Protein backbone atom coordinates (compact mmCIF):
# COMPACT_ATOMS: atom_id res chain seq x y z
CA MET A 1 55.39 -20.50 29.97
CA GLY A 2 53.18 -17.93 28.60
CA ASN A 3 49.55 -18.03 28.53
CA LYS A 4 47.94 -19.11 25.00
CA PRO A 5 45.54 -16.36 23.53
CA PHE A 6 42.16 -17.75 24.03
CA LYS A 7 40.21 -18.57 20.73
CA ARG A 8 36.66 -17.68 21.66
CA VAL A 9 34.15 -19.98 19.69
CA ILE A 10 30.56 -18.07 19.21
CA ALA A 11 27.48 -19.89 18.14
CA ILE A 12 26.54 -17.52 14.96
CA ILE A 13 23.30 -17.55 13.53
CA ILE A 14 22.13 -16.14 9.99
CA SER A 15 18.55 -15.30 9.69
CA MET A 16 17.92 -16.50 6.54
CA ALA A 17 14.21 -15.11 7.01
CA MET A 18 15.91 -11.39 6.74
CA LEU A 19 18.41 -12.11 4.29
CA ILE A 20 17.59 -9.95 1.39
CA ALA A 21 19.17 -8.65 -1.83
CA CYS A 22 17.45 -5.49 -3.06
CA VAL A 23 17.89 -3.66 -6.15
CA GLN A 24 15.89 -0.64 -7.68
CA VAL A 25 14.61 -1.20 -11.47
CA ASN A 26 12.05 0.72 -13.47
CA VAL A 27 8.71 -0.72 -14.15
CA PHE A 28 5.40 0.19 -15.14
CA ALA A 29 3.46 -1.00 -12.14
CA ALA A 30 -0.21 -2.09 -12.06
CA THR A 31 -1.21 -2.32 -15.00
CA VAL A 32 -3.65 -5.59 -15.08
CA GLU A 33 -2.98 -5.88 -19.02
CA PRO A 34 -0.51 -4.40 -21.02
CA HIS A 35 -2.29 -2.73 -23.82
CA VAL A 36 -2.92 0.77 -24.84
CA VAL A 37 -5.69 2.41 -22.67
CA ILE A 38 -8.16 5.36 -22.89
CA ASN A 39 -6.37 7.58 -20.61
CA GLN A 40 -8.55 10.98 -20.59
CA ALA A 41 -11.95 11.93 -22.16
CA TYR A 42 -13.36 15.09 -22.32
CA GLY A 43 -16.86 16.39 -23.54
CA GLY A 44 -17.01 19.57 -22.63
CA GLY A 45 -15.46 21.44 -25.18
CA GLY A 46 -16.96 24.24 -26.75
CA ASN A 47 -19.74 24.55 -24.16
CA SER A 48 -20.52 27.42 -21.74
CA GLY A 49 -17.71 27.19 -18.99
CA ALA A 50 -15.03 25.57 -21.37
CA LEU A 51 -11.34 26.32 -21.61
CA TYR A 52 -10.93 23.97 -24.67
CA LYS A 53 -12.89 24.69 -28.18
CA ASN A 54 -13.04 20.84 -29.15
CA ASP A 55 -13.86 17.54 -27.19
CA PHE A 56 -10.98 15.06 -27.05
CA ILE A 57 -10.07 11.73 -26.39
CA GLU A 58 -6.28 10.77 -25.04
CA LEU A 59 -4.59 7.46 -25.61
CA PHE A 60 -2.15 5.99 -23.44
CA ASN A 61 0.71 3.50 -24.00
CA PRO A 62 1.69 1.89 -20.79
CA THR A 63 4.19 -0.57 -22.27
CA ASP A 64 7.65 -0.78 -23.18
CA SER A 65 7.28 -1.41 -26.85
CA PRO A 66 5.54 1.03 -29.70
CA VAL A 67 2.20 -0.21 -30.69
CA ASP A 68 0.65 -0.15 -34.19
CA MET A 69 -2.73 1.19 -33.94
CA SER A 70 -3.24 1.22 -38.03
CA GLY A 71 -7.02 0.46 -39.00
CA TRP A 72 -8.33 0.89 -34.92
CA THR A 73 -11.15 2.88 -34.14
CA VAL A 74 -12.16 5.15 -31.37
CA GLN A 75 -16.22 4.50 -31.05
CA TYR A 76 -18.86 6.76 -29.06
CA ALA A 77 -22.23 6.24 -27.90
CA SER A 78 -24.29 7.88 -25.53
CA ALA A 79 -24.81 7.27 -21.62
CA LYS A 80 -27.74 4.98 -22.84
CA GLY A 81 -27.19 4.20 -26.29
CA ALA A 82 -25.72 2.06 -28.85
CA PHE A 83 -22.56 1.52 -30.61
CA GLY A 84 -21.73 2.04 -34.37
CA GLU A 85 -23.06 5.62 -35.44
CA PHE A 86 -20.16 7.63 -34.25
CA ILE A 87 -17.05 6.40 -35.21
CA THR A 88 -13.23 7.96 -35.21
CA LYS A 89 -10.52 6.20 -37.54
CA ILE A 90 -7.10 6.25 -36.58
CA PRO A 91 -5.22 6.73 -39.80
CA ASP A 92 -3.04 3.66 -41.08
CA LYS A 93 0.71 3.49 -40.39
CA THR A 94 0.26 4.91 -36.90
CA GLU A 95 2.13 4.08 -34.23
CA ILE A 96 1.68 5.25 -30.22
CA LYS A 97 5.09 5.41 -28.50
CA ALA A 98 6.25 2.99 -25.85
CA ARG A 99 4.72 5.09 -22.42
CA GLY A 100 3.46 8.10 -24.99
CA PHE A 101 0.35 9.63 -25.63
CA TYR A 102 -1.90 9.76 -28.55
CA LEU A 103 -4.51 12.56 -28.95
CA ILE A 104 -7.73 12.60 -30.90
CA GLN A 105 -9.56 15.60 -31.66
CA GLU A 106 -13.42 15.61 -31.79
CA ALA A 107 -16.21 18.01 -32.65
CA ALA A 108 -15.90 21.68 -31.47
CA GLY A 109 -18.42 23.65 -30.05
CA ASP A 110 -19.18 27.43 -29.72
CA GLY A 111 -17.45 28.18 -27.01
CA GLY A 112 -14.12 27.82 -25.29
CA THR A 113 -11.22 30.14 -26.25
CA VAL A 114 -8.10 27.42 -26.52
CA ASP A 115 -7.04 24.86 -29.31
CA LEU A 116 -6.01 21.61 -28.39
CA PRO A 117 -1.99 21.21 -28.42
CA GLY A 118 -1.56 19.42 -31.81
CA PRO A 119 -4.16 16.51 -31.73
CA ASP A 120 -2.88 13.62 -33.33
CA CYS A 121 -5.69 12.86 -35.65
CA THR A 122 -9.35 14.34 -35.80
CA GLY A 123 -12.71 13.34 -36.06
CA ASP A 124 -16.10 15.12 -35.48
CA ILE A 125 -17.72 13.34 -32.79
CA LYS A 126 -20.03 15.55 -30.54
CA MET A 127 -19.45 13.93 -26.93
CA GLY A 128 -22.04 14.55 -24.09
CA ALA A 129 -20.34 16.65 -21.54
CA SER A 130 -21.61 14.86 -18.63
CA ALA A 131 -22.26 11.01 -19.37
CA PHE A 132 -20.72 8.34 -22.37
CA LYS A 133 -19.38 5.27 -23.17
CA ILE A 134 -16.25 4.73 -25.34
CA ALA A 135 -14.71 1.66 -26.99
CA LEU A 136 -10.97 1.82 -28.32
CA VAL A 137 -11.48 -0.85 -31.10
CA SER A 138 -8.92 -3.00 -32.89
CA ASN A 139 -10.71 -2.97 -36.34
CA GLY A 140 -13.53 -0.72 -38.02
CA ASP A 141 -16.43 -2.83 -36.94
CA ALA A 142 -18.86 -1.61 -35.07
CA ALA A 143 -18.39 -2.58 -31.11
CA THR A 144 -21.31 -4.39 -29.84
CA GLY A 145 -20.50 -3.59 -25.99
CA LEU A 146 -18.35 -3.94 -23.36
CA LYS A 147 -17.99 -7.51 -23.84
CA ASP A 148 -16.60 -7.32 -27.81
CA PRO A 149 -13.37 -9.13 -28.34
CA ASP A 150 -11.99 -6.66 -30.11
CA VAL A 151 -12.46 -4.12 -27.73
CA VAL A 152 -8.78 -3.33 -26.16
CA ASP A 153 -10.61 -0.88 -23.64
CA PHE A 154 -13.63 0.61 -22.43
CA LEU A 155 -14.68 3.77 -20.55
CA GLY A 156 -18.14 4.59 -19.38
CA ALA A 157 -18.91 7.67 -17.30
CA GLY A 158 -21.79 9.55 -15.41
CA THR A 159 -25.14 7.57 -16.02
CA ALA A 160 -23.43 5.32 -18.48
CA SER A 161 -25.34 2.01 -18.89
CA ALA A 162 -21.72 -0.35 -19.44
CA TYR A 163 -18.67 0.21 -17.75
CA GLU A 164 -15.67 -1.81 -16.82
CA GLY A 165 -16.03 -2.94 -13.17
CA ASN A 166 -18.44 -2.27 -10.46
CA ASN A 167 -18.99 1.49 -11.20
CA ALA A 168 -18.62 3.99 -13.78
CA ALA A 169 -16.45 6.38 -14.00
CA PRO A 170 -17.62 10.08 -12.16
CA ALA A 171 -19.45 12.54 -14.01
CA PRO A 172 -17.43 15.39 -15.92
CA ASN A 173 -18.50 18.75 -17.07
CA ALA A 174 -17.79 21.92 -19.22
CA ALA A 175 -14.89 22.44 -16.79
CA THR A 176 -13.49 19.10 -16.34
CA ALA A 177 -12.24 15.89 -17.86
CA VAL A 178 -12.57 12.13 -16.89
CA VAL A 179 -8.92 11.31 -16.25
CA ARG A 180 -7.20 8.25 -15.11
CA LYS A 181 -5.81 8.70 -11.13
CA THR A 182 -2.50 7.22 -12.40
CA THR A 183 -1.55 7.29 -15.82
CA GLY A 184 -1.66 4.21 -17.92
CA VAL A 185 -2.98 2.41 -14.88
CA ASP A 186 -5.77 -0.08 -15.41
CA THR A 187 -7.33 -2.31 -12.92
CA ASN A 188 -10.72 -2.80 -15.32
CA ASP A 189 -12.84 -0.89 -12.68
CA ASN A 190 -13.99 2.78 -14.36
CA GLY A 191 -15.01 4.11 -10.72
CA VAL A 192 -11.63 3.11 -9.70
CA ASP A 193 -9.10 4.16 -12.06
CA PHE A 194 -10.72 7.21 -12.64
CA LYS A 195 -11.42 10.50 -11.61
CA THR A 196 -12.59 14.38 -12.84
CA ALA A 197 -10.02 17.00 -13.31
CA THR A 198 -8.88 20.06 -15.07
CA PRO A 199 -8.43 18.79 -18.83
CA GLU A 200 -5.04 18.57 -19.66
CA PRO A 201 -4.83 16.98 -23.22
CA ARG A 202 -1.30 15.42 -24.27
CA ASP A 203 -0.47 14.47 -27.51
CA SER A 204 2.44 11.84 -29.34
CA ASP A 205 4.72 15.09 -28.57
CA SER A 206 4.26 15.14 -24.74
CA PRO A 207 6.92 13.91 -22.83
CA ILE A 208 6.67 10.12 -22.15
CA VAL A 209 5.85 8.90 -18.99
CA PRO A 210 9.04 7.15 -17.61
CA ALA A 211 8.63 3.91 -15.96
CA ALA A 212 8.37 4.15 -12.26
CA PRO A 213 10.92 2.71 -9.71
CA GLU A 214 10.02 -0.27 -8.18
CA THR A 215 12.12 -2.40 -5.66
CA LYS A 216 12.67 -6.05 -6.58
CA CYS A 217 13.90 -8.70 -3.89
CA ALA A 218 15.70 -12.21 -4.14
CA THR A 219 17.16 -14.20 -1.28
CA PRO A 220 20.83 -14.53 -1.65
CA THR A 221 23.02 -17.11 -0.45
CA ALA A 222 25.42 -17.21 3.39
CA ASN A 223 28.35 -18.94 3.13
CA PRO A 224 28.77 -20.27 5.88
CA ALA A 225 25.16 -20.27 6.21
CA SER A 226 24.68 -21.17 10.25
CA GLY A 227 26.26 -23.46 12.94
CA ASN A 228 29.16 -22.77 15.08
CA ILE A 229 31.53 -20.58 13.88
CA GLU A 230 34.70 -19.15 15.06
CA ALA A 231 35.19 -15.35 16.00
CA GLY A 232 37.15 -14.15 12.80
CA THR A 233 35.54 -16.57 10.33
CA LYS A 234 34.46 -14.46 7.33
CA ILE A 235 30.82 -14.76 6.29
CA VAL A 236 30.11 -14.16 2.83
CA PHE A 237 26.64 -13.24 1.54
CA ALA A 238 26.39 -13.36 -2.37
CA THR A 239 23.82 -12.77 -4.82
CA ALA A 240 23.13 -13.19 -8.59
CA THR A 241 21.08 -9.46 -8.57
CA ALA A 242 23.61 -7.11 -10.20
CA GLY A 243 23.59 -3.94 -7.96
CA ALA A 244 21.38 -5.07 -5.19
CA GLU A 245 21.69 -4.13 -1.62
CA ILE A 246 21.86 -7.05 0.80
CA GLN A 247 20.35 -6.70 4.25
CA TYR A 248 21.40 -9.63 6.92
CA SER A 249 20.70 -10.35 10.25
CA THR A 250 23.24 -12.09 12.89
CA THR A 251 23.15 -13.46 16.43
CA ALA A 252 25.90 -14.68 18.78
CA SER A 253 25.10 -17.31 21.67
CA ASP A 254 27.05 -15.49 23.99
CA GLY A 255 26.06 -11.81 23.41
CA PRO A 256 25.81 -9.43 20.95
CA TRP A 257 27.51 -8.97 17.30
CA THR A 258 31.20 -8.18 17.53
CA ASP A 259 33.81 -7.13 15.25
CA GLU A 260 35.61 -9.69 15.60
CA THR A 261 34.06 -11.75 12.65
CA ASP A 262 34.09 -10.37 9.54
CA VAL A 263 31.18 -9.79 7.40
CA VAL A 264 31.64 -9.73 3.14
CA VAL A 265 28.89 -8.60 1.07
CA ASN A 266 29.73 -9.95 -2.31
CA ALA A 267 26.57 -8.13 -4.38
């Protein structure tokens, strides 16, 4: 009588804690609130040692949809001054593209050698080179300050008396602008969000900033999920996340995982 083949039974444990389905998606990460932001400000235009002839304020839309800014204003105040005197109105029927820029040219000085590249609108505000406050406001009324409900975004730089968060943005000069460390990322703390850097004005014709890739994960299912499973049993992992890569971990009670058990990833 011939020997019957021995059918080994192994205990396979699927570690659901390690069972993860991940897919890379494009998102604009780390924006606390999805709104148009003041992305860069330069008050050294036309000063001695300046490259650009004009001051400017650069806006950025970090959302996935265009934003109608008809009737909005950018309002300027000195480091210790009040808002109300210096206002640039954004023209009606103005839209800022999704993840796009909008460049507002302000007053020129006597120095500088380079014109701004195609500003989207112009004003005549003479900004301070090293300290100032700027409010982006959703109407034409004079801003009452940082806590005004119509203020969409606020920037205080240098020795500014008001600013978002715990600290003002660092002080710029004739050769540097105040610019967000990461385009569009707003944690509502000027000291954290901004740095000084060589001015780089961008207008609505500048390339949009694509959404940053981010990995999104969800817990998939396994069938069978655990227990004593015969060698050769097919284990099916599944997830509803299209394009996901499933990571899994399995162990056998009597030794290392063997190729006698099939694994099917059904993502």
